[in-house]
Amino acid sequence: SCVSMVRNHYEQWLAGKPGFEHLRDNTFELCEYLVDIAKVTKVDGD
């Protein structure tokens, strides 16, 4: 929910400000970061 706040709702206040597009496009929830960005393919545990 907090990541969605940044990615989907901050534009109403931050549009056009330096660095905002980078922040918006590079803020991730933990699981999506592990799968999509860190490219974790193996989880070894019990």
PDB file of all heavy atoms in Angstrom:
ATOM      1  N   SER A   1       0.820  -1.208   0.000  1.00  0.00           N
ATOM      2  CA  SER A   1       0.000   0.000   0.000  1.00  0.00           C
ATOM      3  C   SER A   1       0.855   1.259   0.000  1.00  0.00           C
ATOM      4  O   SER A   1       0.559   2.228  -0.707  1.00  0.00           O
ATOM      5  CB  SER A   1      -0.962  -0.007   1.192  1.00  0.00           C
ATOM      6  OG  SER A   1      -0.267   0.009   2.414  1.00  0.00           O
ATOM      7  N   CYS A   2       1.937   1.276   0.774  1.00  0.00           N
ATOM      8  CA  CYS A   2       2.801   2.452   0.805  1.00  0.00           C
ATOM      9  C   CYS A   2       3.546   2.617  -0.521  1.00  0.00           C
ATOM     10  O   CYS A   2       3.724   3.739  -1.006  1.00  0.00           O
ATOM     11  CB  CYS A   2       3.783   2.355   1.960  1.00  0.00           C
ATOM     12  SG  CYS A   2       2.994   2.441   3.589  1.00  0.00           S
ATOM     13  N   VAL A   3       3.984   1.509  -1.102  1.00  0.00           N
ATOM     14  CA  VAL A   3       4.647   1.581  -2.409  1.00  0.00           C
ATOM     15  C   VAL A   3       3.665   2.088  -3.462  1.00  0.00           C
ATOM     16  O   VAL A   3       4.008   2.915  -4.310  1.00  0.00           O
ATOM     17  CB  VAL A   3       5.224   0.212  -2.802  1.00  0.00           C
ATOM     18  CG1 VAL A   3       5.634   0.196  -4.276  1.00  0.00           C
ATOM     19  CG2 VAL A   3       6.415  -0.125  -1.923  1.00  0.00           C
ATOM     20  N   SER A   4       2.438   1.627  -3.407  1.00  0.00           N
ATOM     21  CA  SER A   4       1.434   2.108  -4.357  1.00  0.00           C
ATOM     22  C   SER A   4       1.177   3.598  -4.178  1.00  0.00           C
ATOM     23  O   SER A   4       0.924   4.313  -5.151  1.00  0.00           O
ATOM     24  CB  SER A   4       0.126   1.326  -4.186  1.00  0.00           C
ATOM     25  OG  SER A   4      -0.846   1.786  -5.093  1.00  0.00           O
ATOM     26  N   MET A   5       1.250   4.068  -2.951  1.00  0.00           N
ATOM     27  CA  MET A   5       1.083   5.504  -2.692  1.00  0.00           C
ATOM     28  C   MET A   5       2.125   6.297  -3.478  1.00  0.00           C
ATOM     29  O   MET A   5       1.809   7.292  -4.143  1.00  0.00           O
ATOM     30  CB  MET A   5       1.233   5.761  -1.191  1.00  0.00           C
ATOM     31  CG  MET A   5       1.103   7.220  -0.789  1.00  0.00           C
ATOM     32  SD  MET A   5      -0.587   7.824  -0.991  1.00  0.00           S
ATOM     33  CE  MET A   5      -0.367   9.526  -0.458  1.00  0.00           C
ATOM     34  N   VAL A   6       3.369   5.833  -3.435  1.00  0.00           N
ATOM     35  CA  VAL A   6       4.452   6.522  -4.142  1.00  0.00           C
ATOM     36  C   VAL A   6       4.277   6.394  -5.652  1.00  0.00           C
ATOM     37  O   VAL A   6       4.362   7.388  -6.394  1.00  0.00           O
ATOM     38  CB  VAL A   6       5.816   5.958  -3.715  1.00  0.00           C
ATOM     39  CG1 VAL A   6       6.946   6.599  -4.517  1.00  0.00           C
ATOM     40  CG2 VAL A   6       6.043   6.163  -2.216  1.00  0.00           C
ATOM     41  N   ARG A   7       4.029   5.184  -6.104  1.00  0.00           N
ATOM     42  CA  ARG A   7       4.004   4.926  -7.550  1.00  0.00           C
ATOM     43  C   ARG A   7       2.755   5.478  -8.241  1.00  0.00           C
ATOM     44  O   ARG A   7       2.825   5.961  -9.381  1.00  0.00           O
ATOM     45  CB  ARG A   7       4.083   3.415  -7.792  1.00  0.00           C
ATOM     46  CG  ARG A   7       5.436   2.812  -7.488  1.00  0.00           C
ATOM     47  CD  ARG A   7       5.994   2.009  -8.641  1.00  0.00           C
ATOM     48  NE  ARG A   7       5.208   0.863  -8.991  1.00  0.00           N
ATOM     49  CZ  ARG A   7       5.484  -0.385  -8.621  1.00  0.00           C
ATOM     50  NH1 ARG A   7       6.520  -0.637  -7.830  1.00  0.00           N
ATOM     51  NH2 ARG A   7       4.747  -1.385  -9.028  1.00  0.00           N
ATOM     52  N   ASN A   8       1.631   5.431  -7.573  1.00  0.00           N
ATOM     53  CA  ASN A   8       0.366   5.750  -8.243  1.00  0.00           C
ATOM     54  C   ASN A   8      -0.310   7.039  -7.792  1.00  0.00           C
ATOM     55  O   ASN A   8      -1.243   7.496  -8.464  1.00  0.00           O
ATOM     56  CB  ASN A   8      -0.621   4.590  -8.045  1.00  0.00           C
ATOM     57  CG  ASN A   8      -0.147   3.314  -8.712  1.00  0.00           C
ATOM     58  OD1 ASN A   8       0.135   3.292  -9.902  1.00  0.00           O
ATOM     59  ND2 ASN A   8      -0.048   2.235  -7.937  1.00  0.00           N
ATOM     60  N   HIS A   9       0.144   7.624  -6.678  1.00  0.00           N
ATOM     61  CA  HIS A   9      -0.587   8.780  -6.145  1.00  0.00           C
ATOM     62  C   HIS A   9       0.272  10.007  -5.847  1.00  0.00           C
ATOM     63  O   HIS A   9      -0.271  11.084  -5.604  1.00  0.00           O
ATOM     64  CB  HIS A   9      -1.352   8.365  -4.885  1.00  0.00           C
ATOM     65  CG  HIS A   9      -2.291   7.227  -5.115  1.00  0.00           C
ATOM     66  ND1 HIS A   9      -3.479   7.367  -5.795  1.00  0.00           N
ATOM     67  CD2 HIS A   9      -2.197   5.908  -4.787  1.00  0.00           C
ATOM     68  CE1 HIS A   9      -4.096   6.182  -5.868  1.00  0.00           C
ATOM     69  NE2 HIS A   9      -3.335   5.287  -5.271  1.00  0.00           N
ATOM     70  N   TYR A  10       1.595   9.875  -5.880  1.00  0.00           N
ATOM     71  CA  TYR A  10       2.451  11.030  -5.603  1.00  0.00           C
ATOM     72  C   TYR A  10       2.464  12.055  -6.728  1.00  0.00           C
ATOM     73  O   TYR A  10       2.825  13.209  -6.515  1.00  0.00           O
ATOM     74  CB  TYR A  10       3.886  10.559  -5.346  1.00  0.00           C
ATOM     75  CG  TYR A  10       4.222  10.320  -3.886  1.00  0.00           C
ATOM     76  CD1 TYR A  10       3.226  10.254  -2.910  1.00  0.00           C
ATOM     77  CD2 TYR A  10       5.545  10.177  -3.481  1.00  0.00           C
ATOM     78  CE1 TYR A  10       3.546  10.027  -1.589  1.00  0.00           C
ATOM     79  CE2 TYR A  10       5.878   9.964  -2.156  1.00  0.00           C
ATOM     80  CZ  TYR A  10       4.871   9.882  -1.205  1.00  0.00           C
ATOM     81  OH  TYR A  10       5.200   9.679   0.106  1.00  0.00           O
ATOM     82  N   GLU A  11       2.089  11.655  -7.922  1.00  0.00           N
ATOM     83  CA  GLU A  11       2.204  12.566  -9.064  1.00  0.00           C
ATOM     84  C   GLU A  11       1.400  13.844  -8.869  1.00  0.00           C
ATOM     85  O   GLU A  11       1.798  14.912  -9.355  1.00  0.00           O
ATOM     86  CB  GLU A  11       1.769  11.865 -10.347  1.00  0.00           C
ATOM     87  CG  GLU A  11       2.035  12.697 -11.590  1.00  0.00           C
ATOM     88  CD  GLU A  11       1.948  11.870 -12.861  1.00  0.00           C
ATOM     89  OE1 GLU A  11       1.634  10.677 -12.778  1.00  0.00           O
ATOM     90  OE2 GLU A  11       2.200  12.448 -13.928  1.00  0.00           O
ATOM     91  N   GLN A  12       0.298  13.784  -8.146  1.00  0.00           N
ATOM     92  CA  GLN A  12      -0.535  14.978  -7.949  1.00  0.00           C
ATOM     93  C   GLN A  12       0.211  16.083  -7.192  1.00  0.00           C
ATOM     94  O   GLN A  12      -0.134  17.257  -7.295  1.00  0.00           O
ATOM     95  CB  GLN A  12      -1.815  14.609  -7.200  1.00  0.00           C
ATOM     96  CG  GLN A  12      -1.582  13.991  -5.832  1.00  0.00           C
ATOM     97  CD  GLN A  12      -2.854  13.441  -5.210  1.00  0.00           C
ATOM     98  OE1 GLN A  12      -3.842  14.177  -5.052  1.00  0.00           O
ATOM     99  NE2 GLN A  12      -2.867  12.162  -4.869  1.00  0.00           N
ATOM    100  N   TRP A  13       1.243  15.701  -6.428  1.00  0.00           N
ATOM    101  CA  TRP A  13       2.031  16.689  -5.687  1.00  0.00           C
ATOM    102  C   TRP A  13       3.438  16.882  -6.253  1.00  0.00           C
ATOM    103  O   TRP A  13       4.028  17.936  -6.064  1.00  0.00           O
ATOM    104  CB  TRP A  13       2.152  16.272  -4.214  1.00  0.00           C
ATOM    105  CG  TRP A  13       0.833  16.050  -3.562  1.00  0.00           C
ATOM    106  CD1 TRP A  13      -0.162  16.981  -3.366  1.00  0.00           C
ATOM    107  CD2 TRP A  13       0.338  14.828  -3.023  1.00  0.00           C
ATOM    108  NE1 TRP A  13      -1.236  16.412  -2.742  1.00  0.00           N
ATOM    109  CE2 TRP A  13      -0.961  15.076  -2.511  1.00  0.00           C
ATOM    110  CE3 TRP A  13       0.858  13.538  -2.903  1.00  0.00           C
ATOM    111  CZ2 TRP A  13      -1.736  14.094  -1.911  1.00  0.00           C
ATOM    112  CZ3 TRP A  13       0.089  12.558  -2.303  1.00  0.00           C
ATOM    113  CH2 TRP A  13      -1.195  12.830  -1.822  1.00  0.00           C
ATOM    114  N   LEU A  14       3.963  15.867  -6.912  1.00  0.00           N
ATOM    115  CA  LEU A  14       5.380  15.900  -7.277  1.00  0.00           C
ATOM    116  C   LEU A  14       5.645  15.953  -8.779  1.00  0.00           C
ATOM    117  O   LEU A  14       6.814  15.956  -9.194  1.00  0.00           O
ATOM    118  CB  LEU A  14       6.084  14.665  -6.691  1.00  0.00           C
ATOM    119  CG  LEU A  14       6.006  14.497  -5.172  1.00  0.00           C
ATOM    120  CD1 LEU A  14       6.748  13.238  -4.743  1.00  0.00           C
ATOM    121  CD2 LEU A  14       6.551  15.723  -4.449  1.00  0.00           C
ATOM    122  N   ALA A  15       4.622  15.985  -9.590  1.00  0.00           N
ATOM    123  CA  ALA A  15       4.825  16.004 -11.044  1.00  0.00           C
ATOM    124  C   ALA A  15       5.738  17.158 -11.448  1.00  0.00           C
ATOM    125  O   ALA A  15       5.540  18.306 -11.041  1.00  0.00           O
ATOM    126  CB  ALA A  15       3.479  16.117 -11.758  1.00  0.00           C
ATOM    127  N   GLY A  16       6.767  16.827 -12.233  1.00  0.00           N
ATOM    128  CA  GLY A  16       7.685  17.840 -12.726  1.00  0.00           C
ATOM    129  C   GLY A  16       8.841  18.155 -11.812  1.00  0.00           C
ATOM    130  O   GLY A  16       9.784  18.860 -12.214  1.00  0.00           O
ATOM    131  N   LYS A  17       8.818  17.666 -10.592  1.00  0.00           N
ATOM    132  CA  LYS A  17       9.918  17.947  -9.658  1.00  0.00           C
ATOM    133  C   LYS A  17      11.115  17.062  -9.997  1.00  0.00           C
ATOM    134  O   LYS A  17      10.944  15.882 -10.337  1.00  0.00           O
ATOM    135  CB  LYS A  17       9.470  17.716  -8.217  1.00  0.00           C
ATOM    136  CG  LYS A  17       8.464  18.758  -7.700  1.00  0.00           C
ATOM    137  CD  LYS A  17       8.169  18.559  -6.235  1.00  0.00           C
ATOM    138  CE  LYS A  17       7.194  19.614  -5.732  1.00  0.00           C
ATOM    139  NZ  LYS A  17       7.773  20.977  -5.742  1.00  0.00           N
ATOM    140  N   PRO A  18      12.324  17.586  -9.908  1.00  0.00           N
ATOM    141  CA  PRO A  18      13.521  16.802 -10.235  1.00  0.00           C
ATOM    142  C   PRO A  18      13.613  15.521  -9.400  1.00  0.00           C
ATOM    143  O   PRO A  18      13.461  15.562  -8.187  1.00  0.00           O
ATOM    144  CB  PRO A  18      14.669  17.763  -9.885  1.00  0.00           C
ATOM    145  CG  PRO A  18      14.070  19.124  -9.980  1.00  0.00           C
ATOM    146  CD  PRO A  18      12.651  18.976  -9.532  1.00  0.00           C
ATOM    147  N   GLY A  19      13.826  14.420 -10.086  1.00  0.00           N
ATOM    148  CA  GLY A  19      13.999  13.141  -9.407  1.00  0.00           C
ATOM    149  C   GLY A  19      12.726  12.355  -9.186  1.00  0.00           C
ATOM    150  O   GLY A  19      12.789  11.169  -8.819  1.00  0.00           O
ATOM    151  N   PHE A  20      11.558  12.978  -9.422  1.00  0.00           N
ATOM    152  CA  PHE A  20      10.327  12.261  -9.100  1.00  0.00           C
ATOM    153  C   PHE A  20      10.103  11.045  -9.999  1.00  0.00           C
ATOM    154  O   PHE A  20       9.734   9.971  -9.518  1.00  0.00           O
ATOM    155  CB  PHE A  20       9.106  13.179  -9.184  1.00  0.00           C
ATOM    156  CG  PHE A  20       7.809  12.406  -9.140  1.00  0.00           C
ATOM    157  CD1 PHE A  20       7.496  11.624  -8.034  1.00  0.00           C
ATOM    158  CD2 PHE A  20       6.927  12.412 -10.216  1.00  0.00           C
ATOM    159  CE1 PHE A  20       6.320  10.876  -7.995  1.00  0.00           C
ATOM    160  CE2 PHE A  20       5.760  11.673 -10.187  1.00  0.00           C
ATOM    161  CZ  PHE A  20       5.449  10.901  -9.069  1.00  0.00           C
ATOM    162  N   GLU A  21      10.300  11.197 -11.301  1.00  0.00           N
ATOM    163  CA  GLU A  21      10.056  10.075 -12.198  1.00  0.00           C
ATOM    164  C   GLU A  21      10.951   8.887 -11.852  1.00  0.00           C
ATOM    165  O   GLU A  21      10.514   7.736 -11.880  1.00  0.00           O
ATOM    166  CB  GLU A  21      10.254  10.500 -13.657  1.00  0.00           C
ATOM    167  CG  GLU A  21       9.166  11.429 -14.168  1.00  0.00           C
ATOM    168  CD  GLU A  21       9.260  11.650 -15.661  1.00  0.00           C
ATOM    169  OE1 GLU A  21      10.085  10.968 -16.310  1.00  0.00           O
ATOM    170  OE2 GLU A  21       8.516  12.498 -16.178  1.00  0.00           O
ATOM    171  N   HIS A  22      12.194   9.163 -11.527  1.00  0.00           N
ATOM    172  CA  HIS A  22      13.104   8.091 -11.116  1.00  0.00           C
ATOM    173  C   HIS A  22      12.596   7.425  -9.844  1.00  0.00           C
ATOM    174  O   HIS A  22      12.574   6.188  -9.744  1.00  0.00           O
ATOM    175  CB  HIS A  22      14.501   8.657 -10.884  1.00  0.00           C
ATOM    176  CG  HIS A  22      15.435   7.673 -10.230  1.00  0.00           C
ATOM    177  ND1 HIS A  22      16.058   6.660 -10.925  1.00  0.00           N
ATOM    178  CD2 HIS A  22      15.828   7.543  -8.927  1.00  0.00           C
ATOM    179  CE1 HIS A  22      16.796   5.948 -10.083  1.00  0.00           C
ATOM    180  NE2 HIS A  22      16.672   6.463  -8.877  1.00  0.00           N
ATOM    181  N   LEU A  23      12.183   8.225  -8.866  1.00  0.00           N
ATOM    182  CA  LEU A  23      11.664   7.672  -7.609  1.00  0.00           C
ATOM    183  C   LEU A  23      10.427   6.824  -7.855  1.00  0.00           C
ATOM    184  O   LEU A  23      10.318   5.701  -7.346  1.00  0.00           O
ATOM    185  CB  LEU A  23      11.331   8.813  -6.650  1.00  0.00           C
ATOM    186  CG  LEU A  23      10.702   8.398  -5.316  1.00  0.00           C
ATOM    187  CD1 LEU A  23      11.729   7.697  -4.438  1.00  0.00           C
ATOM    188  CD2 LEU A  23      10.123   9.608  -4.593  1.00  0.00           C
ATOM    189  N   ARG A  24       9.500   7.351  -8.642  1.00  0.00           N
ATOM    190  CA  ARG A  24       8.256   6.639  -8.937  1.00  0.00           C
ATOM    191  C   ARG A  24       8.521   5.294  -9.601  1.00  0.00           C
ATOM    192  O   ARG A  24       7.919   4.276  -9.230  1.00  0.00           O
ATOM    193  CB  ARG A  24       7.381   7.500  -9.849  1.00  0.00           C
ATOM    194  CG  ARG A  24       6.052   6.862 -10.243  1.00  0.00           C
ATOM    195  CD  ARG A  24       5.434   7.624 -11.401  1.00  0.00           C
ATOM    196  NE  ARG A  24       6.304   7.590 -12.575  1.00  0.00           N
ATOM    197  CZ  ARG A  24       6.226   8.457 -13.584  1.00  0.00           C
ATOM    198  NH1 ARG A  24       5.348   9.440 -13.555  1.00  0.00           N
ATOM    199  NH2 ARG A  24       7.035   8.341 -14.615  1.00  0.00           N
ATOM    200  N   ASP A  25       9.426   5.283 -10.551  1.00  0.00           N
ATOM    201  CA  ASP A  25       9.664   4.071 -11.332  1.00  0.00           C
ATOM    202  C   ASP A  25      10.570   3.063 -10.635  1.00  0.00           C
ATOM    203  O   ASP A  25      10.706   1.930 -11.114  1.00  0.00           O
ATOM    204  CB  ASP A  25      10.279   4.440 -12.687  1.00  0.00           C
ATOM    205  CG  ASP A  25       9.345   5.276 -13.542  1.00  0.00           C
ATOM    206  OD1 ASP A  25       8.131   5.294 -13.255  1.00  0.00           O
ATOM    207  OD2 ASP A  25       9.834   5.931 -14.481  1.00  0.00           O
ATOM    208  N   ASN A  26      11.183   3.464  -9.538  1.00  0.00           N
ATOM    209  CA  ASN A  26      12.159   2.589  -8.881  1.00  0.00           C
ATOM    210  C   ASN A  26      11.853   2.349  -7.409  1.00  0.00           C
ATOM    211  O   ASN A  26      12.756   2.058  -6.625  1.00  0.00           O
ATOM    212  CB  ASN A  26      13.559   3.163  -9.049  1.00  0.00           C
ATOM    213  CG  ASN A  26      14.055   3.052 -10.474  1.00  0.00           C
ATOM    214  OD1 ASN A  26      14.497   1.991 -10.913  1.00  0.00           O
ATOM    215  ND2 ASN A  26      13.952   4.153 -11.216  1.00  0.00           N
ATOM    216  N   THR A  27      10.603   2.487  -7.036  1.00  0.00           N
ATOM    217  CA  THR A  27      10.150   2.151  -5.685  1.00  0.00           C
ATOM    218  C   THR A  27       9.353   0.854  -5.766  1.00  0.00           C
ATOM    219  O   THR A  27       8.412   0.751  -6.563  1.00  0.00           O
ATOM    220  CB  THR A  27       9.290   3.276  -5.093  1.00  0.00           C
ATOM    221  OG1 THR A  27      10.083   4.469  -5.010  1.00  0.00           O
ATOM    222  CG2 THR A  27       8.803   2.919  -3.697  1.00  0.00           C
ATOM    223  N   PHE A  28       9.738  -0.127  -4.948  1.00  0.00           N
ATOM    224  CA  PHE A  28       9.188  -1.473  -5.086  1.00  0.00           C
ATOM    225  C   PHE A  28       8.771  -2.071  -3.742  1.00  0.00           C
ATOM    226  O   PHE A  28       9.414  -1.832  -2.715  1.00  0.00           O
ATOM    227  CB  PHE A  28      10.234  -2.422  -5.707  1.00  0.00           C
ATOM    228  CG  PHE A  28      10.759  -1.969  -7.031  1.00  0.00           C
ATOM    229  CD1 PHE A  28      11.953  -1.265  -7.121  1.00  0.00           C
ATOM    230  CD2 PHE A  28      10.059  -2.241  -8.202  1.00  0.00           C
ATOM    231  CE1 PHE A  28      12.443  -0.841  -8.345  1.00  0.00           C
ATOM    232  CE2 PHE A  28      10.539  -1.814  -9.431  1.00  0.00           C
ATOM    233  CZ  PHE A  28      11.739  -1.118  -9.503  1.00  0.00           C
ATOM    234  N   GLU A  29       7.719  -2.859  -3.796  1.00  0.00           N
ATOM    235  CA  GLU A  29       7.359  -3.732  -2.667  1.00  0.00           C
ATOM    236  C   GLU A  29       8.380  -4.863  -2.619  1.00  0.00           C
ATOM    237  O   GLU A  29       8.930  -5.254  -3.658  1.00  0.00           O
ATOM    238  CB  GLU A  29       5.936  -4.263  -2.866  1.00  0.00           C
ATOM    239  CG  GLU A  29       5.406  -5.116  -1.734  1.00  0.00           C
ATOM    240  CD  GLU A  29       5.905  -6.551  -1.826  1.00  0.00           C
ATOM    241  OE1 GLU A  29       6.168  -7.025  -2.965  1.00  0.00           O
ATOM    242  OE2 GLU A  29       6.029  -7.191  -0.774  1.00  0.00           O
ATOM    243  N   LEU A  30       8.642  -5.402  -1.436  1.00  0.00           N
ATOM    244  CA  LEU A  30       9.717  -6.379  -1.249  1.00  0.00           C
ATOM    245  C   LEU A  30       9.622  -7.561  -2.206  1.00  0.00           C
ATOM    246  O   LEU A  30      10.614  -7.905  -2.872  1.00  0.00           O
ATOM    247  CB  LEU A  30       9.712  -6.881   0.199  1.00  0.00           C
ATOM    248  CG  LEU A  30      10.693  -8.014   0.506  1.00  0.00           C
ATOM    249  CD1 LEU A  30      12.137  -7.560   0.334  1.00  0.00           C
ATOM    250  CD2 LEU A  30      10.442  -8.562   1.911  1.00  0.00           C
ATOM    251  N   CYS A  31       8.475  -8.217  -2.275  1.00  0.00           N
ATOM    252  CA  CYS A  31       8.357  -9.433  -3.094  1.00  0.00           C
ATOM    253  C   CYS A  31       8.536  -9.129  -4.574  1.00  0.00           C
ATOM    254  O   CYS A  31       9.195  -9.890  -5.292  1.00  0.00           O
ATOM    255  CB  CYS A  31       7.015 -10.123  -2.856  1.00  0.00           C
ATOM    256  SG  CYS A  31       6.827 -10.800  -1.196  1.00  0.00           S
ATOM    257  N   GLU A  32       7.959  -8.032  -5.054  1.00  0.00           N
ATOM    258  CA  GLU A  32       8.135  -7.711  -6.472  1.00  0.00           C
ATOM    259  C   GLU A  32       9.584  -7.342  -6.749  1.00  0.00           C
ATOM    260  O   GLU A  32      10.100  -7.627  -7.835  1.00  0.00           O
ATOM    261  CB  GLU A  32       7.169  -6.617  -6.934  1.00  0.00           C
ATOM    262  CG  GLU A  32       7.392  -5.260  -6.344  1.00  0.00           C
ATOM    263  CD  GLU A  32       6.572  -4.183  -7.041  1.00  0.00           C
ATOM    264  OE1 GLU A  32       5.971  -4.440  -8.096  1.00  0.00           O
ATOM    265  OE2 GLU A  32       6.539  -3.048  -6.512  1.00  0.00           O
ATOM    266  N   TYR A  33      10.261  -6.741  -5.776  1.00  0.00           N
ATOM    267  CA  TYR A  33      11.673  -6.438  -5.964  1.00  0.00           C
ATOM    268  C   TYR A  33      12.489  -7.724  -6.081  1.00  0.00           C
ATOM    269  O   TYR A  33      13.359  -7.847  -6.955  1.00  0.00           O
ATOM    270  CB  TYR A  33      12.202  -5.596  -4.805  1.00  0.00           C
ATOM    271  CG  TYR A  33      13.623  -5.124  -5.017  1.00  0.00           C
ATOM    272  CD1 TYR A  33      13.894  -4.049  -5.851  1.00  0.00           C
ATOM    273  CD2 TYR A  33      14.693  -5.766  -4.408  1.00  0.00           C
ATOM    274  CE1 TYR A  33      15.195  -3.617  -6.076  1.00  0.00           C
ATOM    275  CE2 TYR A  33      15.999  -5.349  -4.619  1.00  0.00           C
ATOM    276  CZ  TYR A  33      16.246  -4.269  -5.453  1.00  0.00           C
ATOM    277  OH  TYR A  33      17.533  -3.870  -5.679  1.00  0.00           O
ATOM    278  N   LEU A  34      12.208  -8.678  -5.211  1.00  0.00           N
ATOM    279  CA  LEU A  34      12.944  -9.945  -5.243  1.00  0.00           C
ATOM    280  C   LEU A  34      12.732 -10.674  -6.566  1.00  0.00           C
ATOM    281  O   LEU A  34      13.666 -11.226  -7.141  1.00  0.00           O
ATOM    282  CB  LEU A  34      12.516 -10.833  -4.078  1.00  0.00           C
ATOM    283  CG  LEU A  34      12.821 -10.311  -2.672  1.00  0.00           C
ATOM    284  CD1 LEU A  34      12.243 -11.250  -1.619  1.00  0.00           C
ATOM    285  CD2 LEU A  34      14.322 -10.131  -2.461  1.00  0.00           C
ATOM    286  N   VAL A  35      11.500 -10.667  -7.065  1.00  0.00           N
ATOM    287  CA  VAL A  35      11.172 -11.418  -8.287  1.00  0.00           C
ATOM    288  C   VAL A  35      11.565 -10.650  -9.545  1.00  0.00           C
ATOM    289  O   VAL A  35      12.211 -11.202 -10.445  1.00  0.00           O
ATOM    290  CB  VAL A  35       9.670 -11.762  -8.309  1.00  0.00           C
ATOM    291  CG1 VAL A  35       9.275 -12.379  -9.651  1.00  0.00           C
ATOM    292  CG2 VAL A  35       9.326 -12.730  -7.175  1.00  0.00           C
ATOM    293  N   ASP A  36      11.212  -9.377  -9.620  1.00  0.00           N
ATOM    294  CA  ASP A  36      11.367  -8.624 -10.871  1.00  0.00           C
ATOM    295  C   ASP A  36      12.722  -7.933 -11.022  1.00  0.00           C
ATOM    296  O   ASP A  36      13.226  -7.801 -12.144  1.00  0.00           O
ATOM    297  CB  ASP A  36      10.271  -7.556 -10.986  1.00  0.00           C
ATOM    298  CG  ASP A  36       8.886  -8.156 -11.102  1.00  0.00           C
ATOM    299  OD1 ASP A  36       8.787  -9.330 -11.491  1.00  0.00           O
ATOM    300  OD2 ASP A  36       7.903  -7.445 -10.796  1.00  0.00           O
ATOM    301  N   ILE A  37      13.310  -7.488  -9.925  1.00  0.00           N
ATOM    302  CA  ILE A  37      14.540  -6.692 -10.013  1.00  0.00           C
ATOM    303  C   ILE A  37      15.760  -7.507  -9.587  1.00  0.00           C
ATOM    304  O   ILE A  37      16.747  -7.589 -10.324  1.00  0.00           O
ATOM    305  CB  ILE A  37      14.431  -5.408  -9.163  1.00  0.00           C
ATOM    306  CG1 ILE A  37      13.158  -4.635  -9.532  1.00  0.00           C
ATOM    307  CG2 ILE A  37      15.684  -4.554  -9.345  1.00  0.00           C
ATOM    308  CD1 ILE A  37      13.059  -4.242 -10.983  1.00  0.00           C
ATOM    309  N   ALA A  38      15.709  -8.120  -8.403  1.00  0.00           N
ATOM    310  CA  ALA A  38      16.839  -8.936  -7.946  1.00  0.00           C
ATOM    311  C   ALA A  38      16.907 -10.277  -8.669  1.00  0.00           C
ATOM    312  O   ALA A  38      17.935 -10.959  -8.615  1.00  0.00           O
ATOM    313  CB  ALA A  38      16.750  -9.156  -6.434  1.00  0.00           C
ATOM    314  N   LYS A  39      15.808 -10.648  -9.336  1.00  0.00           N
ATOM    315  CA  LYS A  39      15.744 -11.879 -10.131  1.00  0.00           C
ATOM    316  C   LYS A  39      16.065 -13.133  -9.297  1.00  0.00           C
ATOM    317  O   LYS A  39      16.820 -14.002  -9.722  1.00  0.00           O
ATOM    318  CB  LYS A  39      16.699 -11.802 -11.326  1.00  0.00           C
ATOM    319  CG  LYS A  39      16.470 -10.631 -12.256  1.00  0.00           C
ATOM    320  CD  LYS A  39      15.114 -10.701 -12.939  1.00  0.00           C
ATOM    321  CE  LYS A  39      14.929  -9.570 -13.941  1.00  0.00           C
ATOM    322  NZ  LYS A  39      13.569  -9.571 -14.564  1.00  0.00           N
ATOM    323  N   VAL A  40      15.477 -13.199  -8.114  1.00  0.00           N
ATOM    324  CA  VAL A  40      15.645 -14.387  -7.272  1.00  0.00           C
ATOM    325  C   VAL A  40      14.943 -15.574  -7.928  1.00  0.00           C
ATOM    326  O   VAL A  40      13.753 -15.502  -8.257  1.00  0.00           O
ATOM    327  CB  VAL A  40      15.068 -14.141  -5.861  1.00  0.00           C
ATOM    328  CG1 VAL A  40      14.984 -15.439  -5.067  1.00  0.00           C
ATOM    329  CG2 VAL A  40      15.914 -13.127  -5.117  1.00  0.00           C
ATOM    330  N   THR A  41      15.661 -16.639  -8.143  1.00  0.00           N
ATOM    331  CA  THR A  41      15.089 -17.840  -8.763  1.00  0.00           C
ATOM    332  C   THR A  41      15.108 -19.043  -7.833  1.00  0.00           C
ATOM    333  O   THR A  41      14.461 -20.048  -8.115  1.00  0.00           O
ATOM    334  CB  THR A  41      15.841 -18.205 -10.050  1.00  0.00           C
ATOM    335  OG1 THR A  41      17.231 -18.416  -9.745  1.00  0.00           O
ATOM    336  CG2 THR A  41      15.710 -17.091 -11.091  1.00  0.00           C
ATOM    337  N   LYS A  42      15.860 -18.933  -6.726  1.00  0.00           N
ATOM    338  CA  LYS A  42      15.949 -20.062  -5.812  1.00  0.00           C
ATOM    339  C   LYS A  42      15.769 -19.594  -4.375  1.00  0.00           C
ATOM    340  O   LYS A  42      16.422 -18.648  -3.926  1.00  0.00           O
ATOM    341  CB  LYS A  42      17.301 -20.769  -5.950  1.00  0.00           C
ATOM    342  CG  LYS A  42      17.425 -22.014  -5.084  1.00  0.00           C
ATOM    343  CD  LYS A  42      18.749 -22.717  -5.310  1.00  0.00           C
ATOM    344  CE  LYS A  42      18.850 -23.972  -4.450  1.00  0.00           C
ATOM    345  NZ  LYS A  42      20.155 -24.667  -4.643  1.00  0.00           N
ATOM    346  N   VAL A  43      14.861 -20.262  -3.660  1.00  0.00           N
ATOM    347  CA  VAL A  43      14.631 -20.002  -2.240  1.00  0.00           C
ATOM    348  C   VAL A  43      14.876 -21.308  -1.508  1.00  0.00           C
ATOM    349  O   VAL A  43      14.139 -22.284  -1.688  1.00  0.00           O
ATOM    350  CB  VAL A  43      13.196 -19.499  -1.984  1.00  0.00           C
ATOM    351  CG1 VAL A  43      12.985 -19.250  -0.497  1.00  0.00           C
ATOM    352  CG2 VAL A  43      12.921 -18.227  -2.787  1.00  0.00           C
ATOM    353  N   ASP A  44      15.908 -21.337  -0.693  1.00  0.00           N
ATOM    354  CA  ASP A  44      16.316 -22.563  -0.007  1.00  0.00           C
ATOM    355  C   ASP A  44      16.064 -22.408   1.490  1.00  0.00           C
ATOM    356  O   ASP A  44      16.787 -21.687   2.184  1.00  0.00           O
ATOM    357  CB  ASP A  44      17.799 -22.842  -0.272  1.00  0.00           C
ATOM    358  CG  ASP A  44      18.258 -24.162   0.328  1.00  0.00           C
ATOM    359  OD1 ASP A  44      17.392 -25.008   0.638  1.00  0.00           O
ATOM    360  OD2 ASP A  44      19.474 -24.342   0.509  1.00  0.00           O
ATOM    361  N   GLY A  45      15.017 -23.066   1.971  1.00  0.00           N
ATOM    362  CA  GLY A  45      14.688 -22.955   3.388  1.00  0.00           C
ATOM    363  C   GLY A  45      13.543 -23.870   3.756  1.00  0.00           C
ATOM    364  O   GLY A  45      12.977 -24.566   2.899  1.00  0.00           O
ATOM    365  N   ASP A  46      13.196 -23.888   5.028  1.00  0.00           N
ATOM    366  CA  ASP A  46      12.141 -24.757   5.545  1.00  0.00           C
ATOM    367  C   ASP A  46      11.039 -23.924   6.188  1.00  0.00           C
ATOM    368  O   ASP A  46      11.317 -22.944   6.887  1.00  0.00           O
ATOM    369  CB  ASP A  46      12.708 -25.724   6.597  1.00  0.00           C
ATOM    370  CG  ASP A  46      13.794 -26.625   6.042  1.00  0.00           C
ATOM    371  OD1 ASP A  46      13.454 -27.647   5.433  1.00  0.00           O
ATOM    372  OD2 ASP A  46      14.986 -26.289   6.215  1.00  0.00           O
TER     373      ASP A  46
END
